[in-house]
PDB file of N, CA and C in Angstrom:
ATOM      1  N   UNK A   1       0.586 -18.982  19.820  1.00  0.00           N
ATOM      2  CA  UNK A   1      -0.131 -18.930  18.558  1.00  0.00           C
ATOM      3  C   UNK A   1      -1.314 -17.987  18.687  1.00  0.00           C
ATOM      4  N   UNK A   2      -1.557 -17.248  17.621  1.00  0.00           N
ATOM      5  CA  UNK A   2      -2.637 -16.276  17.624  1.00  0.00           C
ATOM      6  C   UNK A   2      -3.309 -16.277  16.263  1.00  0.00           C
ATOM      7  N   UNK A   3      -4.616 -16.241  16.276  1.00  0.00           N
ATOM      8  CA  UNK A   3      -5.382 -16.128  15.035  1.00  0.00           C
ATOM      9  C   UNK A   3      -6.425 -15.042  15.227  1.00  0.00           C
ATOM     10  N   UNK A   4      -6.637 -14.239  14.219  1.00  0.00           N
ATOM     11  CA  UNK A   4      -7.673 -13.221  14.268  1.00  0.00           C
ATOM     12  C   UNK A   4      -8.130 -12.921  12.860  1.00  0.00           C
ATOM     13  N   UNK A   5      -9.330 -12.351  12.759  1.00  0.00           N
ATOM     14  CA  UNK A   5      -9.863 -11.952  11.467  1.00  0.00           C
ATOM     15  C   UNK A   5      -9.838 -10.430  11.425  1.00  0.00           C
ATOM     16  N   UNK A   6      -9.184  -9.891  10.429  1.00  0.00           N
ATOM     17  CA  UNK A   6      -9.050  -8.448  10.262  1.00  0.00           C
ATOM     18  C   UNK A   6      -9.717  -8.107   8.938  1.00  0.00           C
ATOM     19  N   UNK A   7     -10.848  -7.424   8.987  1.00  0.00           N
ATOM     20  CA  UNK A   7     -11.614  -7.127   7.780  1.00  0.00           C
ATOM     21  C   UNK A   7     -11.344  -5.688   7.381  1.00  0.00           C
ATOM     22  N   UNK A   8     -10.818  -5.500   6.164  1.00  0.00           N
ATOM     23  CA  UNK A   8     -10.444  -4.162   5.711  1.00  0.00           C
ATOM     24  C   UNK A   8     -10.284  -4.132   4.199  1.00  0.00           C
ATOM     25  N   UNK A   9     -10.303  -2.927   3.657  1.00  0.00           N
ATOM     26  CA  UNK A   9      -9.922  -2.707   2.261  1.00  0.00           C
ATOM     27  C   UNK A   9      -8.489  -2.184   2.186  1.00  0.00           C
ATOM     28  N   UNK A  10      -7.881  -1.943   3.340  1.00  0.00           N
ATOM     29  CA  UNK A  10      -6.547  -1.343   3.424  1.00  0.00           C
ATOM     30  C   UNK A  10      -5.473  -2.424   3.301  1.00  0.00           C
ATOM     31  N   UNK A  11      -5.073  -2.726   2.073  1.00  0.00           N
ATOM     32  CA  UNK A  11      -4.110  -3.801   1.858  1.00  0.00           C
ATOM     33  C   UNK A  11      -2.700  -3.422   2.294  1.00  0.00           C
ATOM     34  N   UNK A  12      -2.415  -2.145   2.458  1.00  0.00           N
ATOM     35  CA  UNK A  12      -1.105  -1.748   2.984  1.00  0.00           C
ATOM     36  C   UNK A  12      -0.969  -2.246   4.423  1.00  0.00           C
ATOM     37  N   UNK A  13      -2.032  -2.116   5.200  1.00  0.00           N
ATOM     38  CA  UNK A  13      -2.014  -2.624   6.571  1.00  0.00           C
ATOM     39  C   UNK A  13      -1.981  -4.143   6.583  1.00  0.00           C
ATOM     40  N   UNK A  14      -2.732  -4.758   5.690  1.00  0.00           N
ATOM     41  CA  UNK A  14      -2.738  -6.221   5.601  1.00  0.00           C
ATOM     42  C   UNK A  14      -1.326  -6.734   5.335  1.00  0.00           C
ATOM     43  N   UNK A  15      -0.620  -6.093   4.417  1.00  0.00           N
ATOM     44  CA  UNK A  15       0.762  -6.499   4.117  1.00  0.00           C
ATOM     45  C   UNK A  15       1.647  -6.431   5.356  1.00  0.00           C
ATOM     46  N   UNK A  16       1.384  -5.444   6.201  1.00  0.00           N
ATOM     47  CA  UNK A  16       2.232  -5.236   7.377  1.00  0.00           C
ATOM     48  C   UNK A  16       1.953  -6.229   8.500  1.00  0.00           C
ATOM     49  N   UNK A  17       0.710  -6.703   8.624  1.00  0.00           N
ATOM     50  CA  UNK A  17       0.386  -7.494   9.812  1.00  0.00           C
ATOM     51  C   UNK A  17       0.010  -8.947   9.547  1.00  0.00           C
ATOM     52  N   UNK A  18      -0.308  -9.301   8.317  1.00  0.00           N
ATOM     53  CA  UNK A  18      -0.846 -10.645   8.061  1.00  0.00           C
ATOM     54  C   UNK A  18       0.198 -11.596   7.493  1.00  0.00           C
ATOM     55  N   UNK A  19       0.014 -12.864   7.792  1.00  0.00           N
ATOM     56  CA  UNK A  19       0.800 -13.923   7.155  1.00  0.00           C
ATOM     57  C   UNK A  19       0.002 -14.549   6.016  1.00  0.00           C
ATOM     58  N   UNK A  20      -1.290 -14.739   6.266  1.00  0.00           N
ATOM     59  CA  UNK A  20      -2.185 -15.314   5.262  1.00  0.00           C
ATOM     60  C   UNK A  20      -3.289 -14.310   4.962  1.00  0.00           C
ATOM     61  N   UNK A  21      -3.795 -14.344   3.721  1.00  0.00           N
ATOM     62  CA  UNK A  21      -4.784 -13.377   3.270  1.00  0.00           C
ATOM     63  C   UNK A  21      -5.921 -14.111   2.563  1.00  0.00           C
ATOM     64  N   UNK A  22      -7.129 -13.643   2.806  1.00  0.00           N
ATOM     65  CA  UNK A  22      -8.298 -14.098   2.057  1.00  0.00           C
ATOM     66  C   UNK A  22      -8.928 -12.855   1.441  1.00  0.00           C
ATOM     67  N   UNK A  23      -9.081 -12.844   0.131  1.00  0.00           N
ATOM     68  CA  UNK A  23      -9.723 -11.726  -0.563  1.00  0.00           C
ATOM     69  C   UNK A  23     -11.131 -12.175  -0.925  1.00  0.00           C
ATOM     70  N   UNK A  24     -12.109 -11.354  -0.522  1.00  0.00           N
ATOM     71  CA  UNK A  24     -13.509 -11.690  -0.790  1.00  0.00           C
ATOM     72  C   UNK A  24     -14.146 -10.610  -1.643  1.00  0.00           C
ATOM     73  N   UNK A  25     -15.030 -11.033  -2.520  1.00  0.00           N
ATOM     74  CA  UNK A  25     -15.792 -10.122  -3.371  1.00  0.00           C
ATOM     75  C   UNK A  25     -17.248 -10.549  -3.291  1.00  0.00           C
ATOM     76  N   UNK A  26     -18.097  -9.663  -2.833  1.00  0.00           N
ATOM     77  CA  UNK A  26     -19.529  -9.924  -2.693  1.00  0.00           C
ATOM     78  C   UNK A  26     -19.798 -11.205  -1.905  1.00  0.00           C
ATOM     79  N   UNK A  27     -19.048 -11.389  -0.817  1.00  0.00           N
ATOM     80  CA  UNK A  27     -19.262 -12.518   0.069  1.00  0.00           C
ATOM     81  C   UNK A  27     -18.648 -13.835  -0.380  1.00  0.00           C
ATOM     82  N   UNK A  28     -17.947 -13.837  -1.496  1.00  0.00           N
ATOM     83  CA  UNK A  28     -17.314 -15.053  -2.019  1.00  0.00           C
ATOM     84  C   UNK A  28     -15.796 -14.909  -1.967  1.00  0.00           C
ATOM     85  N   UNK A  29     -15.101 -15.968  -1.582  1.00  0.00           N
ATOM     86  CA  UNK A  29     -13.638 -15.963  -1.593  1.00  0.00           C
ATOM     87  C   UNK A  29     -13.166 -16.044  -3.041  1.00  0.00           C
ATOM     88  N   UNK A  30     -12.352 -15.058  -3.452  1.00  0.00           N
ATOM     89  CA  UNK A  30     -11.823 -15.063  -4.820  1.00  0.00           C
ATOM     90  C   UNK A  30     -10.338 -15.401  -4.852  1.00  0.00           C
ATOM     91  N   UNK A  31      -9.674 -15.258  -3.701  1.00  0.00           N
ATOM     92  CA  UNK A  31      -8.243 -15.565  -3.642  1.00  0.00           C
ATOM     93  C   UNK A  31      -7.848 -15.737  -2.180  1.00  0.00           C
ATOM     94  N   UNK A  32      -6.953 -16.689  -1.911  1.00  0.00           N
ATOM     95  CA  UNK A  32      -6.479 -16.879  -0.543  1.00  0.00           C
ATOM     96  C   UNK A  32      -5.134 -17.574  -0.559  1.00  0.00           C
ATOM     97  N   UNK A  33      -4.359 -17.318   0.497  1.00  0.00           N
ATOM     98  CA  UNK A  33      -3.066 -17.968   0.630  1.00  0.00           C
ATOM     99  C   UNK A  33      -2.093 -17.114   1.420  1.00  0.00           C
ATOM    100  N   UNK A  34      -0.816 -17.495   1.371  1.00  0.00           N
ATOM    101  CA  UNK A  34       0.236 -16.693   1.991  1.00  0.00           C
ATOM    102  C   UNK A  34       0.233 -15.314   1.327  1.00  0.00           C
ATOM    103  N   UNK A  35       0.513 -14.271   2.105  1.00  0.00           N
ATOM    104  CA  UNK A  35       0.385 -12.921   1.540  1.00  0.00           C
ATOM    105  C   UNK A  35       1.291 -12.702   0.333  1.00  0.00           C
ATOM    106  N   UNK A  36       2.500 -13.254   0.348  1.00  0.00           N
ATOM    107  CA  UNK A  36       3.390 -13.068  -0.798  1.00  0.00           C
ATOM    108  C   UNK A  36       2.852 -13.759  -2.044  1.00  0.00           C
ATOM    109  N   UNK A  37       2.177 -14.873  -1.866  1.00  0.00           N
ATOM    110  CA  UNK A  37       1.586 -15.590  -2.997  1.00  0.00           C
ATOM    111  C   UNK A  37       0.384 -14.836  -3.550  1.00  0.00           C
ATOM    112  N   UNK A  38      -0.421 -14.275  -2.670  1.00  0.00           N
ATOM    113  CA  UNK A  38      -1.627 -13.561  -3.097  1.00  0.00           C
ATOM    114  C   UNK A  38      -1.274 -12.226  -3.749  1.00  0.00           C
ATOM    115  N   UNK A  39      -0.284 -11.521  -3.198  1.00  0.00           N
ATOM    116  CA  UNK A  39       0.017 -10.173  -3.671  1.00  0.00           C
ATOM    117  C   UNK A  39       1.027 -10.122  -4.813  1.00  0.00           C
ATOM    118  N   UNK A  40       1.825 -11.132  -5.014  1.00  0.00           N
ATOM    119  CA  UNK A  40       2.930 -11.066  -5.985  1.00  0.00           C
ATOM    120  C   UNK A  40       2.925 -12.212  -6.967  1.00  0.00           C
ATOM    121  N   UNK A  41       2.318 -12.156  -8.083  1.00  0.00           N
ATOM    122  CA  UNK A  41       1.324 -11.157  -8.505  1.00  0.00           C
ATOM    123  C   UNK A  41      -0.067 -11.611  -8.090  1.00  0.00           C
ATOM    124  N   UNK A  42      -1.011 -10.670  -8.020  1.00  0.00           N
ATOM    125  CA  UNK A  42      -2.385 -11.075  -7.724  1.00  0.00           C
ATOM    126  C   UNK A  42      -2.948 -11.866  -8.907  1.00  0.00           C
ATOM    127  N   UNK A  43      -3.747 -12.878  -8.607  1.00  0.00           N
ATOM    128  CA  UNK A  43      -4.308 -13.716  -9.667  1.00  0.00           C
ATOM    129  C   UNK A  43      -5.732 -13.325 -10.024  1.00  0.00           C
ATOM    130  N   UNK A  44      -6.408 -12.636  -9.135  1.00  0.00           N
ATOM    131  CA  UNK A  44      -7.787 -12.227  -9.408  1.00  0.00           C
ATOM    132  C   UNK A  44      -7.807 -10.726  -9.663  1.00  0.00           C
ATOM    133  N   UNK A  45      -8.650 -10.309 -10.595  1.00  0.00           N
ATOM    134  CA  UNK A  45      -8.694  -8.882 -10.961  1.00  0.00           C
ATOM    135  C   UNK A  45      -9.133  -8.000  -9.793  1.00  0.00           C
ATOM    136  N   UNK A  46      -9.956  -8.514  -8.871  1.00  0.00           N
ATOM    137  CA  UNK A  46     -10.366  -7.706  -7.720  1.00  0.00           C
ATOM    138  C   UNK A  46      -9.191  -7.467  -6.777  1.00  0.00           C
ATOM    139  N   UNK A  47      -8.362  -8.486  -6.571  1.00  0.00           N
ATOM    140  CA  UNK A  47      -7.163  -8.318  -5.747  1.00  0.00           C
ATOM    141  C   UNK A  47      -6.251  -7.283  -6.385  1.00  0.00           C
ATOM    142  N   UNK A  48      -6.100  -7.351  -7.691  1.00  0.00           N
ATOM    143  CA  UNK A  48      -5.275  -6.378  -8.412  1.00  0.00           C
ATOM    144  C   UNK A  48      -5.844  -4.972  -8.259  1.00  0.00           C
ATOM    145  N   UNK A  49      -7.161  -4.846  -8.332  1.00  0.00           N
ATOM    146  CA  UNK A  49      -7.813  -3.547  -8.155  1.00  0.00           C
ATOM    147  C   UNK A  49      -7.560  -2.994  -6.753  1.00  0.00           C
ATOM    148  N   UNK A  50      -7.702  -3.843  -5.741  1.00  0.00           N
ATOM    149  CA  UNK A  50      -7.440  -3.398  -4.368  1.00  0.00           C
ATOM    150  C   UNK A  50      -5.988  -2.954  -4.202  1.00  0.00           C
ATOM    151  N   UNK A  51      -5.064  -3.732  -4.752  1.00  0.00           N
ATOM    152  CA  UNK A  51      -3.644  -3.375  -4.631  1.00  0.00           C
ATOM    153  C   UNK A  51      -3.327  -2.077  -5.362  1.00  0.00           C
ATOM    154  N   UNK A  52      -3.975  -1.837  -6.492  1.00  0.00           N
ATOM    155  CA  UNK A  52      -3.700  -0.610  -7.245  1.00  0.00           C
ATOM    156  C   UNK A  52      -4.233   0.629  -6.534  1.00  0.00           C
ATOM    157  N   UNK A  53      -5.134   0.436  -5.573  1.00  0.00           N
ATOM    158  CA  UNK A  53      -5.685   1.583  -4.849  1.00  0.00           C
ATOM    159  C   UNK A  53      -4.817   2.003  -3.667  1.00  0.00           C
ATOM    160  N   UNK A  54      -3.786   1.226  -3.349  1.00  0.00           N
ATOM    161  CA  UNK A  54      -2.895   1.558  -2.237  1.00  0.00           C
ATOM    162  C   UNK A  54      -1.912   2.625  -2.710  1.00  0.00           C
ATOM    163  N   UNK A  55      -1.946   3.818  -2.103  1.00  0.00           N
ATOM    164  CA  UNK A  55      -1.002   4.854  -2.527  1.00  0.00           C
ATOM    165  C   UNK A  55       0.432   4.457  -2.190  1.00  0.00           C
ATOM    166  N   UNK A  56       1.331   4.787  -3.092  1.00  0.00           N
ATOM    167  CA  UNK A  56       2.744   4.510  -2.856  1.00  0.00           C
ATOM    168  C   UNK A  56       3.472   5.832  -2.657  1.00  0.00           C
ATOM    169  N   UNK A  57       4.196   5.911  -1.569  1.00  0.00           N
ATOM    170  CA  UNK A  57       4.910   7.139  -1.253  1.00  0.00           C
ATOM    171  C   UNK A  57       6.268   7.146  -1.937  1.00  0.00           C
ATOM    172  N   UNK A  58       6.613   8.273  -2.504  1.00  0.00           N
ATOM    173  CA  UNK A  58       7.927   8.448  -3.109  1.00  0.00           C
ATOM    174  C   UNK A  58       8.938   8.574  -1.973  1.00  0.00           C
ATOM    175  N   UNK A  59       9.905   7.657  -1.870  1.00  0.00           N
ATOM    176  CA  UNK A  59      10.855   7.717  -0.752  1.00  0.00           C
ATOM    177  C   UNK A  59      11.712   8.982  -0.758  1.00  0.00           C
ATOM    178  N   UNK A  60      11.799   9.664  -1.885  1.00  0.00           N
ATOM    179  CA  UNK A  60      12.615  10.877  -1.980  1.00  0.00           C
ATOM    180  C   UNK A  60      11.784  12.154  -1.878  1.00  0.00           C
ATOM    181  N   UNK A  61      10.528  12.042  -1.454  1.00  0.00           N
ATOM    182  CA  UNK A  61       9.658  13.207  -1.466  1.00  0.00           C
ATOM    183  C   UNK A  61      10.193  14.351  -0.624  1.00  0.00           C
ATOM    184  N   UNK A  62      10.761  14.071   0.536  1.00  0.00           N
ATOM    185  CA  UNK A  62      11.242  15.140   1.404  1.00  0.00           C
ATOM    186  C   UNK A  62      12.464  15.818   0.797  1.00  0.00           C
ATOM    187  N   UNK A  63      13.401  15.041   0.275  1.00  0.00           N
ATOM    188  CA  UNK A  63      14.579  15.627  -0.363  1.00  0.00           C
ATOM    189  C   UNK A  63      14.175  16.528  -1.523  1.00  0.00           C
ATOM    190  N   UNK A  64      13.250  16.070  -2.341  1.00  0.00           N
ATOM    191  CA  UNK A  64      12.794  16.872  -3.485  1.00  0.00           C
ATOM    192  C   UNK A  64      12.143  18.167  -3.010  1.00  0.00           C
ATOM    193  N   UNK A  65      11.338  18.061  -1.978  1.00  0.00           N
ATOM    194  CA  UNK A  65      10.650  19.249  -1.475  1.00  0.00           C
ATOM    195  C   UNK A  65      11.636  20.253  -0.885  1.00  0.00           C
ATOM    196  N   UNK A  66      12.602  19.760  -0.123  1.00  0.00           N
ATOM    197  CA  UNK A  66      13.599  20.653   0.461  1.00  0.00           C
ATOM    198  C   UNK A  66      14.458  21.307  -0.611  1.00  0.00           C
ATOM    199  N   UNK A  67      14.852  20.545  -1.615  1.00  0.00           N
ATOM    200  CA  UNK A  67      15.663  21.111  -2.699  1.00  0.00           C
ATOM    201  C   UNK A  67      14.896  22.188  -3.448  1.00  0.00           C
ATOM    202  N   UNK A  68      13.609  21.973  -3.667  1.00  0.00           N
ATOM    203  CA  UNK A  68      12.825  22.982  -4.381  1.00  0.00           C
ATOM    204  C   UNK A  68      12.706  24.255  -3.549  1.00  0.00           C
ATOM    205  N   UNK A  69      12.660  24.131  -2.239  1.00  0.00           N
ATOM    206  CA  UNK A  69      12.578  25.309  -1.371  1.00  0.00           C
ATOM    207  C   UNK A  69      13.929  26.024  -1.302  1.00  0.00           C
ATOM    208  N   UNK A  70      15.002  25.265  -1.188  1.00  0.00           N
ATOM    209  CA  UNK A  70      16.336  25.853  -1.065  1.00  0.00           C
ATOM    210  C   UNK A  70      16.733  26.568  -2.353  1.00  0.00           C
ATOM    211  N   UNK A  71      16.331  26.026  -3.486  1.00  0.00           N
ATOM    212  CA  UNK A  71      16.706  26.614  -4.774  1.00  0.00           C
ATOM    213  C   UNK A  71      15.735  27.690  -5.241  1.00  0.00           C
ATOM    214  N   UNK A  72      14.779  28.047  -4.425  1.00  0.00           N
ATOM    215  CA  UNK A  72      13.800  29.056  -4.783  1.00  0.00           C
ATOM    216  C   UNK A  72      14.369  30.440  -4.459  1.00  0.00           C
ATOM    217  N   UNK A  73      14.576  31.293  -5.475  1.00  0.00           N
ATOM    218  CA  UNK A  73      15.159  32.628  -5.237  1.00  0.00           C
ATOM    219  C   UNK A  73      14.338  33.482  -4.269  1.00  0.00           C
ATOM    220  N   UNK A  74      13.012  33.337  -4.299  1.00  0.00           N
ATOM    221  CA  UNK A  74      12.165  34.107  -3.386  1.00  0.00           C
ATOM    222  C   UNK A  74      12.482  33.766  -1.929  1.00  0.00           C
ATOM    223  N   UNK A  75      12.656  32.501  -1.658  1.00  0.00           N
ATOM    224  CA  UNK A  75      12.960  32.085  -0.291  1.00  0.00           C
ATOM    225  C   UNK A  75      14.384  32.451   0.094  1.00  0.00           C
ATOM    226  N   UNK A  76      15.289  32.456  -0.859  1.00  0.00           N
ATOM    227  CA  UNK A  76      16.681  32.805  -0.573  1.00  0.00           C
ATOM    228  C   UNK A  76      16.775  34.256  -0.101  1.00  0.00           C
ATOM    229  N   UNK A  77      15.972  35.155  -0.656  1.00  0.00           N
ATOM    230  CA  UNK A  77      15.991  36.564  -0.262  1.00  0.00           C
ATOM    231  C   UNK A  77      15.486  36.755   1.153  1.00  0.00           C
ATOM    232  N   UNK A  78      14.620  35.874   1.603  1.00  0.00           N
ATOM    233  CA  UNK A  78      14.015  36.028   2.921  1.00  0.00           C
ATOM    234  C   UNK A  78      14.983  35.681   4.037  1.00  0.00           C
ATOM    235  N   UNK A  79      16.070  35.048   3.719  1.00  0.00           N
ATOM    236  CA  UNK A  79      17.004  34.627   4.767  1.00  0.00           C
ATOM    237  C   UNK A  79      17.725  35.789   5.287  1.00  0.00           C
TER     238      UNK A  79
END
């Protein structure tokens, strides 16, 4: 068994490593519980604000970027 306190604004990391979450605002607990309960959906507006600040990566970003390069006539001439 292991317990630790991880203090951060990085909720993407919290999702990856935590089982339970406590969200604090100005030194007061505003939400706490199992991470799935706290994050899906968040019940406090501050938790929602923190979650909305986590950037989401487009899983197809590399395919889109490669296709745009391959279909570029300027790059095709350079080959």
